[in-house]
Structures are given as structure tokens and as C-alpha cells.
Amino acid sequence: MGPQRVVVLLVAGLAVLAGAIWLASTRHLERATLTGDLVLPGLEQGVNTVTELDLKKADGTHTTLKKDSSTWTVTERGWPADTPKVRKLLLDLGALTVVEEKTRLPANYAQLGVEDVSTPHATGTLVDAVSPAKSWVLIVGKSSSGKSGYVRVANAPQSLLAAPLLTVNAAPEGWLEHTLIDVGAERVREIEEHPANGPAYTAMRLKQGEPNFSVGPIPKGRSLTGPAVAEPIAASLAVLTLDDVRKADPGAAAGVSHATFRTYDGLELALSGRQDGDHFLIAASAQGSTPQGEAEAQKLNARLHGFEFEIPQYRYDVIFKPLVELLTATPEPGKKAPAANPSPLSR
């Protein structure tokens, strides 16, 4: 081998070695640079410019949250969103930082839950934060701990372990403003009950502050189980929350229960309730007999009109409680019934 050929081989070897050293240093630099960097650059400063959040899963579950002025709405329900919850997600997205690089291989995405949501059986959730100028799209995968989880910027090969841990629910009911009605028991003067099954009855207390309601009419030979049996009904509208909401169905009238609550300050709330499979639904309207009551009724009607609300069954059962559940058992033949609790409504 001639000297010239030796020199050429030596130069080539040095070039390969230099390339390997450069590549290794570049990879090290890239990793060091990524760690602690923002996953979605620009969103931290652009949180207040986001006007829409789209959440989507592979099984078709999806939610669209839209901002109008300062109010967020769950588009699929036409109902206000839980604004603090939406705000927290946006702030967490803007603050999301890289903890560690993970796989770039699509075959391994499923282990972290960051495969494309168009992939059958994908488990992650696509989050698209949209502003007038830009959008940020992220796939949120499985959690790694209570403080971090796996994510991947959509259309980017690199998956990441990032913090803080994002909690994303793509179901619309998970983003609803859940407060429905809040009328404390101390305000309630009178309740008229017309259950779908069983007789109608009224519970009343003439003076605010009285401990118990008078209930009637009470069937002959029966009595109330105790003096405070109507108090839970009066308290049933205190901090009443919804599980879900839907547009009212005007044709669904079978098996409807009715309850009317009247307050000392002039508010009247009329509620109707029905069961749809495993769902317990109510609709409500309000009116006022005093200026204060009328003002409150207008606000309630603006919020409640045209909707049915799914509420927990235990709250539904109290609102539309049948009279029989307030009474002692029917006495056995030949036995004297206990004396009925005095009630002006039963006379």
C-alpha cells in the first residue's frame, strides 16, 4: 500500500471519528436542551388568547369548549362550562415542561398511551388549544406518577415524560358547571307535592324559624313518623348540583312528578321530574310574588329554561318524596293505630 493511499485512509478515519464525536455531542446537547423546556412553546404567554379547546378520544368521545368574552360553554350541551376547571387545564398546558425524552418509535407509543387518536383502540386524549393566531395540539397519554405523565406533540415523533400531570376528560359532562339551584331550607315556607304515584300533599310552616312543617292531608288511621319528616324535602334544593344536562323533551310527559317550593321572600319554584332508564331528570321554572322574588325568578329562568337536568337519584327521591314514606306503617287488623301527630293540614 502506497503512502498516498495510507494518508487517504487516515484522513477518512479521522473524518468518521470526528463525525461520531459531533453526533454524540449533538445528541447530548439536544437532551440537555429539551429537559426543562416547555412542551408547547408560546402557550404560556398565549393562555388568555385561547378561544376554543377541543378534546377527542379514539372511541368518539369528544368535547368542544368555546369562550365568549370571559364565559366558557360546553358546545355539546349548550350549558356553561366549569370555568376554573377550563382555566386550570390551560395553565397546566402552558406550564407543561419536559422531564425526559421517551420513545420515538410509533410501535411503542401504545405503551405510553400517546398513539394517534385516529388509531383503533388508542387510549390517549387529543387536546387542541385554538387561538386566532395559532393552535397547540397535544396527545395526553398515561400517567407516570402523581406529578407527571406521558405526552406527545401531535405529528411529532418524540414522546415525552412531562410535568405537571394533566387530567383530561373528553366527556362533555365532565366540563359542565354543576351548580343548578341553591335554595336553603330556612327560606322554604311551603311545599306542594304531586308524586307520579300516590296522593298529593302539602307541607307548610307559617312562621319563618319554626322547627317543623305541618303535613297533610294525612290518611285516617295513619300518622307521621316524626315531627321533622318534611325537613329533608325543604333542604333538597340547597346546593343542588347536576350530573348532566340535555335539551328538554316536550313529548316526555308520562310518569311525571311535580313539586312546588315557595319561599318567605316571594320565590316560587315549580319542578317536574321523570325517570328515563337509569337517569333521573328534572325541569324547573320560577316566578316571584315580590320584587325580590321576581328578580331571582328572572335569573333562574334565564338559566334553566329549555333544559332537563340529570341529578343524583338520592336527591331526586327526596324532592319528589311520596307521602307514604312520611307515614307510619298501616296498623295490622285488630290493632289500634298510634295517635296521629297534630297537623292543621290534616284536619
Protein backbone atom coordinates (compact mmCIF):
# COMPACT_ATOMS: atom_id res chain seq x y z
CA MET A 1 0.00 0.00 0.00
CA GLY A 2 1.45 3.32 -1.09
CA PRO A 3 2.00 6.31 1.22
CA GLN A 4 -0.69 8.32 -0.58
CA ARG A 5 -3.32 5.63 -0.01
CA VAL A 6 -2.35 5.42 3.67
CA VAL A 7 -2.87 9.17 4.02
CA VAL A 8 -6.30 8.98 2.36
CA LEU A 9 -7.41 6.17 4.68
CA LEU A 10 -6.11 8.05 7.70
CA VAL A 11 -7.99 11.21 6.73
CA ALA A 12 -11.17 9.22 6.13
CA GLY A 13 -10.84 7.52 9.51
CA LEU A 14 -10.34 10.84 11.25
CA ALA A 15 -13.43 12.23 9.48
CA VAL A 16 -15.56 9.30 10.64
CA LEU A 17 -14.28 9.66 14.19
CA ALA A 18 -14.93 13.40 14.18
CA GLY A 19 -18.45 12.82 12.85
CA ALA A 20 -19.18 10.30 15.58
CA ILE A 21 -17.92 12.67 18.24
CA TRP A 22 -20.01 15.53 16.83
CA LEU A 23 -23.13 13.37 16.63
CA ALA A 24 -22.72 12.19 20.22
CA SER A 25 -22.20 15.74 21.45
CA THR A 26 -25.22 16.95 19.49
CA ARG A 27 -27.46 14.27 20.98
CA HIS A 28 -26.23 15.13 24.44
CA LEU A 29 -26.83 18.81 23.78
CA GLU A 30 -30.33 18.11 22.43
CA ARG A 31 -31.26 16.10 25.52
CA ALA A 32 -29.85 18.72 27.88
CA THR A 33 -31.70 21.45 26.00
CA LEU A 34 -35.04 19.61 25.99
CA THR A 35 -35.08 18.83 29.68
CA GLY A 36 -36.96 21.62 31.41
CA ASP A 37 -38.15 23.18 28.16
CA LEU A 38 -41.80 23.99 27.52
CA VAL A 39 -43.64 21.28 25.63
CA LEU A 40 -45.95 23.81 23.92
CA PRO A 41 -43.85 26.96 23.41
CA GLY A 42 -45.88 30.15 23.20
CA LEU A 43 -48.92 28.84 25.02
CA GLU A 44 -47.70 30.06 28.39
CA GLN A 45 -47.96 33.65 27.18
CA GLY A 46 -50.97 32.91 24.97
CA VAL A 47 -53.31 31.29 27.51
CA ASN A 48 -55.66 34.29 27.53
CA THR A 49 -55.88 34.28 23.72
CA VAL A 50 -57.26 30.72 23.54
CA THR A 51 -60.91 30.77 22.47
CA GLU A 52 -61.54 27.06 21.94
CA LEU A 53 -60.47 23.75 23.43
CA ASP A 54 -61.21 20.53 21.55
CA LEU A 55 -60.85 17.22 23.38
CA LYS A 56 -61.11 13.94 21.49
CA LYS A 57 -60.64 10.21 22.07
CA ALA A 58 -60.45 7.30 19.64
CA ASP A 59 -63.82 5.91 20.76
CA GLY A 60 -65.60 9.04 19.51
CA THR A 61 -65.93 10.77 22.87
CA HIS A 62 -65.35 14.46 22.36
CA THR A 63 -65.94 17.87 23.91
CA THR A 64 -65.73 21.34 22.41
CA LEU A 65 -65.26 24.19 24.86
CA LYS A 66 -65.75 27.69 23.46
CA LYS A 67 -65.06 31.05 25.02
CA ASP A 68 -67.36 34.03 24.56
CA SER A 69 -65.93 37.10 26.23
CA SER A 70 -64.97 35.62 29.62
CA THR A 71 -67.51 32.76 29.65
CA TRP A 72 -66.79 29.19 28.56
CA THR A 73 -69.54 26.95 27.18
CA VAL A 74 -69.75 23.20 26.61
CA THR A 75 -70.93 23.23 22.99
CA GLU A 76 -72.34 19.70 23.04
CA ARG A 77 -74.69 20.65 25.88
CA GLY A 78 -75.24 24.37 25.33
CA TRP A 79 -74.54 24.84 29.04
CA PRO A 80 -71.90 26.89 30.87
CA ALA A 81 -68.58 25.18 31.47
CA ASP A 82 -66.76 24.99 34.78
CA THR A 83 -64.55 27.99 34.05
CA PRO A 84 -62.00 27.39 36.84
CA LYS A 85 -61.52 23.82 35.59
CA VAL A 86 -61.01 25.01 32.00
CA ARG A 87 -58.61 27.69 33.22
CA LYS A 88 -56.58 25.14 35.19
CA LEU A 89 -56.18 22.91 32.13
CA LEU A 90 -54.97 25.85 30.04
CA LEU A 91 -52.50 26.95 32.70
CA ASP A 92 -51.19 23.39 33.08
CA LEU A 93 -50.78 23.08 29.32
CA GLY A 94 -48.90 26.36 29.20
CA ALA A 95 -46.63 25.33 32.09
CA LEU A 96 -46.02 21.79 30.79
CA THR A 97 -42.28 21.09 30.76
CA VAL A 98 -40.12 18.21 29.62
CA VAL A 99 -38.88 15.83 32.30
CA GLU A 100 -37.35 13.26 29.99
CA GLU A 101 -37.39 12.12 26.37
CA LYS A 102 -39.09 8.82 25.66
CA THR A 103 -39.59 6.66 22.59
CA ARG A 104 -39.65 7.92 19.00
CA LEU A 105 -40.89 4.59 17.66
CA PRO A 106 -44.60 4.53 16.73
CA ALA A 107 -44.71 0.83 17.60
CA ASN A 108 -44.02 1.78 21.23
CA TYR A 109 -46.45 4.71 21.53
CA ALA A 110 -49.25 2.49 22.84
CA GLN A 111 -47.22 1.60 25.93
CA LEU A 112 -47.34 5.28 26.91
CA GLY A 113 -50.84 5.98 25.57
CA VAL A 114 -49.61 8.58 23.06
CA GLU A 115 -50.55 6.92 19.76
CA ASP A 116 -52.62 8.94 17.27
CA VAL A 117 -56.27 9.04 18.36
CA SER A 118 -57.20 8.01 14.80
CA THR A 119 -55.61 4.65 15.64
CA PRO A 120 -58.15 1.99 16.67
CA HIS A 121 -58.08 1.29 20.42
CA ALA A 122 -55.88 4.33 21.14
CA THR A 123 -56.16 5.28 24.81
CA GLY A 124 -54.85 8.84 24.81
CA THR A 125 -56.74 12.10 24.52
CA LEU A 126 -56.08 14.71 21.83
CA VAL A 127 -56.13 18.28 23.17
CA ASP A 128 -56.30 21.14 20.66
CA ALA A 129 -55.99 24.63 22.13
CA VAL A 130 -57.04 27.16 19.49
CA SER A 131 -56.34 30.88 19.39
CA PRO A 132 -56.95 33.29 16.50
CA ALA A 133 -53.28 33.20 15.56
CA LYS A 134 -52.17 29.67 16.42
CA SER A 135 -53.18 26.30 17.79
CA TRP A 136 -51.34 23.88 20.04
CA VAL A 137 -52.13 20.19 19.64
CA LEU A 138 -51.05 17.58 22.17
CA ILE A 139 -51.77 13.91 22.80
CA VAL A 140 -52.09 13.24 26.53
CA GLY A 141 -51.27 9.66 27.46
CA LYS A 142 -50.86 7.63 30.62
CA SER A 143 -49.69 8.97 33.96
CA SER A 144 -46.27 8.07 35.27
CA SER A 145 -46.79 9.31 38.81
CA GLY A 146 -48.89 11.80 40.69
CA LYS A 147 -46.80 14.61 39.25
CA SER A 148 -46.01 13.69 35.63
CA GLY A 149 -47.36 11.84 32.64
CA TYR A 150 -46.60 10.89 29.05
CA VAL A 151 -47.41 13.24 26.18
CA ARG A 152 -46.57 13.75 22.54
CA VAL A 153 -46.99 16.85 20.42
CA ALA A 154 -49.26 15.84 17.53
CA ASN A 155 -47.35 14.94 14.34
CA ALA A 156 -44.02 14.96 16.21
CA PRO A 157 -42.14 11.66 16.60
CA GLN A 158 -40.71 12.33 20.06
CA SER A 159 -42.78 11.25 23.06
CA LEU A 160 -42.06 12.86 26.40
CA LEU A 161 -42.41 12.47 30.11
CA ALA A 162 -43.70 15.87 31.21
CA ALA A 163 -44.95 17.72 34.28
CA PRO A 164 -47.37 18.72 35.68
CA LEU A 165 -49.62 15.70 35.31
CA LEU A 166 -52.55 16.57 33.04
CA THR A 167 -56.05 15.36 33.88
CA VAL A 168 -58.16 15.43 30.73
CA ASN A 169 -61.72 14.15 30.42
CA ALA A 170 -63.12 14.10 26.86
CA ALA A 171 -66.73 13.56 28.01
CA PRO A 172 -68.89 16.74 27.90
CA GLU A 173 -70.50 16.10 31.29
CA GLY A 174 -67.08 16.30 32.90
CA TRP A 175 -66.76 20.00 31.98
CA LEU A 176 -70.20 21.30 32.99
CA GLU A 177 -70.81 23.97 35.58
CA HIS A 178 -72.56 21.68 38.08
CA THR A 179 -74.30 24.21 40.33
CA LEU A 180 -78.01 24.16 39.50
CA ILE A 181 -80.20 25.60 42.28
CA ASP A 182 -79.38 26.77 45.78
CA VAL A 183 -82.40 27.50 47.95
CA GLY A 184 -81.73 26.83 51.63
CA ALA A 185 -84.24 25.02 53.82
CA GLU A 186 -84.60 28.07 56.08
CA ARG A 187 -86.16 30.00 53.19
CA VAL A 188 -88.87 27.44 52.39
CA ARG A 189 -92.39 28.27 53.63
CA GLU A 190 -94.49 25.75 51.71
CA ILE A 191 -94.08 22.64 49.57
CA GLU A 192 -96.77 21.15 47.36
CA GLU A 193 -96.11 17.59 46.26
CA HIS A 194 -97.85 15.79 43.41
CA PRO A 195 -95.95 12.49 43.03
CA ALA A 196 -96.44 10.41 39.89
CA ASN A 197 -97.62 7.61 42.17
CA GLY A 198 -99.57 8.29 45.36
CA PRO A 199 -101.71 11.10 46.76
CA ALA A 200 -100.81 14.78 46.71
CA TYR A 201 -99.93 16.55 49.97
CA THR A 202 -98.67 19.84 51.33
CA ALA A 203 -96.00 20.71 53.90
CA MET A 204 -96.21 24.18 55.45
CA ARG A 205 -94.86 26.33 58.25
CA LEU A 206 -96.48 29.70 58.76
CA LYS A 207 -93.62 31.43 60.58
CA GLN A 208 -90.01 31.50 59.48
CA GLY A 209 -87.83 29.81 62.06
CA GLU A 210 -90.42 27.25 63.11
CA PRO A 211 -88.62 23.91 63.56
CA ASN A 212 -91.13 21.66 61.78
CA PHE A 213 -93.60 21.61 58.91
CA SER A 214 -97.28 20.72 59.19
CA VAL A 215 -98.09 17.97 56.69
CA GLY A 216 -101.44 16.99 55.27
CA PRO A 217 -103.84 15.60 54.47
CA ILE A 218 -102.89 12.51 56.44
CA PRO A 219 -104.99 9.39 55.79
CA LYS A 220 -107.25 8.26 58.61
CA GLY A 221 -105.53 5.86 60.95
CA ARG A 222 -102.02 6.93 59.91
CA SER A 223 -99.52 9.32 61.47
CA LEU A 224 -96.21 10.97 60.61
CA THR A 225 -93.10 9.04 61.53
CA GLY A 226 -91.79 12.12 63.32
CA PRO A 227 -92.26 15.89 63.60
CA ALA A 228 -89.34 16.74 61.24
CA VAL A 229 -90.19 14.38 58.38
CA ALA A 230 -90.61 17.21 55.84
CA GLU A 231 -87.36 18.99 56.70
CA PRO A 232 -85.25 16.91 54.24
CA ILE A 233 -87.64 17.88 51.43
CA ALA A 234 -87.24 21.56 52.30
CA ALA A 235 -83.46 21.10 52.24
CA SER A 236 -83.43 19.21 48.92
CA LEU A 237 -82.83 22.34 46.83
CA ALA A 238 -79.86 23.53 48.88
CA VAL A 239 -76.71 23.33 46.71
CA LEU A 240 -78.49 21.10 44.19
CA THR A 241 -76.00 20.00 41.53
CA LEU A 242 -76.42 18.34 38.16
CA ASP A 243 -74.67 15.30 36.71
CA ASP A 244 -75.60 16.12 33.12
CA VAL A 245 -77.93 18.33 31.10
CA ARG A 246 -79.96 17.91 27.93
CA LYS A 247 -82.48 19.87 25.92
CA ALA A 248 -85.99 19.41 27.31
CA ASP A 249 -88.16 16.81 25.57
CA PRO A 250 -91.69 18.29 25.33
CA GLY A 251 -93.15 14.90 24.43
CA ALA A 252 -91.87 13.11 27.52
CA ALA A 253 -94.79 13.58 29.92
CA ALA A 254 -95.53 10.04 31.16
CA GLY A 255 -94.90 9.33 34.83
CA VAL A 256 -94.06 12.91 35.71
CA SER A 257 -93.92 14.04 39.34
CA HIS A 258 -94.38 17.68 40.37
CA ALA A 259 -93.21 19.68 43.37
CA THR A 260 -93.62 23.38 44.06
CA PHE A 261 -91.47 25.21 46.60
CA ARG A 262 -92.50 28.66 47.92
CA THR A 263 -90.22 30.83 50.00
CA TYR A 264 -90.88 33.52 52.59
CA ASP A 265 -89.28 36.15 50.36
CA GLY A 266 -91.58 35.57 47.38
CA LEU A 267 -89.86 33.00 45.14
CA GLU A 268 -91.83 30.08 43.72
CA LEU A 269 -90.01 27.18 42.08
CA ALA A 270 -92.00 24.59 40.12
CA LEU A 271 -90.17 21.34 39.42
CA SER A 272 -91.19 18.36 37.32
CA GLY A 273 -89.36 15.06 37.43
CA ARG A 274 -89.25 11.86 35.42
CA GLN A 275 -87.13 8.74 35.14
CA ASP A 276 -85.52 7.81 31.82
CA GLY A 277 -83.90 4.40 32.27
CA ASP A 278 -81.19 4.90 34.88
CA HIS A 279 -81.37 8.69 34.56
CA PHE A 280 -83.36 10.89 36.93
CA LEU A 281 -84.35 14.13 35.23
CA ILE A 282 -85.89 17.37 36.43
CA ALA A 283 -87.04 20.56 34.75
CA ALA A 284 -87.67 23.79 36.63
CA SER A 285 -89.31 27.19 36.22
CA ALA A 286 -89.65 30.10 38.61
CA GLN A 287 -91.88 33.07 39.33
CA GLY A 288 -91.98 35.75 42.00
CA SER A 289 -94.66 37.35 44.12
CA THR A 290 -92.41 40.13 45.44
CA PRO A 291 -89.86 42.37 43.70
CA GLN A 292 -87.05 40.35 45.28
CA GLY A 293 -88.65 37.07 44.28
CA GLU A 294 -89.32 38.27 40.74
CA ALA A 295 -85.70 39.38 40.25
CA GLU A 296 -84.44 35.99 41.41
CA ALA A 297 -87.00 34.17 39.26
CA GLN A 298 -85.87 36.01 36.13
CA LYS A 299 -82.27 34.97 36.71
CA LEU A 300 -83.26 31.36 37.32
CA ASN A 301 -85.49 31.17 34.25
CA ALA A 302 -82.78 32.61 32.03
CA ARG A 303 -80.53 29.80 33.17
CA LEU A 304 -82.96 26.87 33.46
CA HIS A 305 -85.48 27.36 30.64
CA GLY A 306 -85.49 24.72 27.92
CA PHE A 307 -83.33 22.17 29.72
CA GLU A 308 -83.72 18.93 31.63
CA PHE A 309 -81.15 18.16 34.27
CA GLU A 310 -79.91 14.79 35.39
CA ILE A 311 -79.43 14.75 39.14
CA PRO A 312 -78.37 12.02 41.59
CA GLN A 313 -81.16 9.59 42.39
CA TYR A 314 -80.95 10.19 46.14
CA ARG A 315 -81.64 13.91 45.59
CA TYR A 316 -84.48 13.15 43.16
CA ASP A 317 -86.11 10.76 45.62
CA VAL A 318 -86.17 13.43 48.32
CA ILE A 319 -87.52 16.22 46.09
CA PHE A 320 -90.47 14.06 44.99
CA LYS A 321 -90.91 12.03 48.17
CA PRO A 322 -94.25 10.14 48.29
CA LEU A 323 -96.49 10.75 51.27
CA VAL A 324 -96.36 7.09 52.27
CA GLU A 325 -92.67 7.49 53.10
CA LEU A 326 -93.54 10.12 55.72
CA LEU A 327 -96.10 7.93 57.48
CA THR A 328 -96.04 5.09 59.94
CA ALA A 329 -96.96 1.65 58.65
CA THR A 330 -100.62 0.69 58.23
CA PRO A 331 -101.74 -0.94 61.51
CA GLU A 332 -102.48 -4.64 61.44
CA PRO A 333 -106.17 -5.63 61.70
CA GLY A 334 -107.37 -5.59 65.30
CA LYS A 335 -104.58 -3.27 66.48
CA LYS A 336 -105.15 0.36 67.34
CA ALA A 337 -103.26 2.83 65.21
CA PRO A 338 -100.91 5.25 67.02
CA ALA A 339 -102.26 8.74 67.54
CA ALA A 340 -101.52 11.00 64.60
CA ASN A 341 -99.21 13.95 65.12
CA PRO A 342 -101.35 17.09 65.29
CA SER A 343 -101.31 18.97 61.99
CA PRO A 344 -103.65 21.75 60.91
CA LEU A 345 -103.40 20.48 57.34
CA SER A 346 -104.76 17.05 58.28
CA ARG A 347 -107.93 18.40 59.88
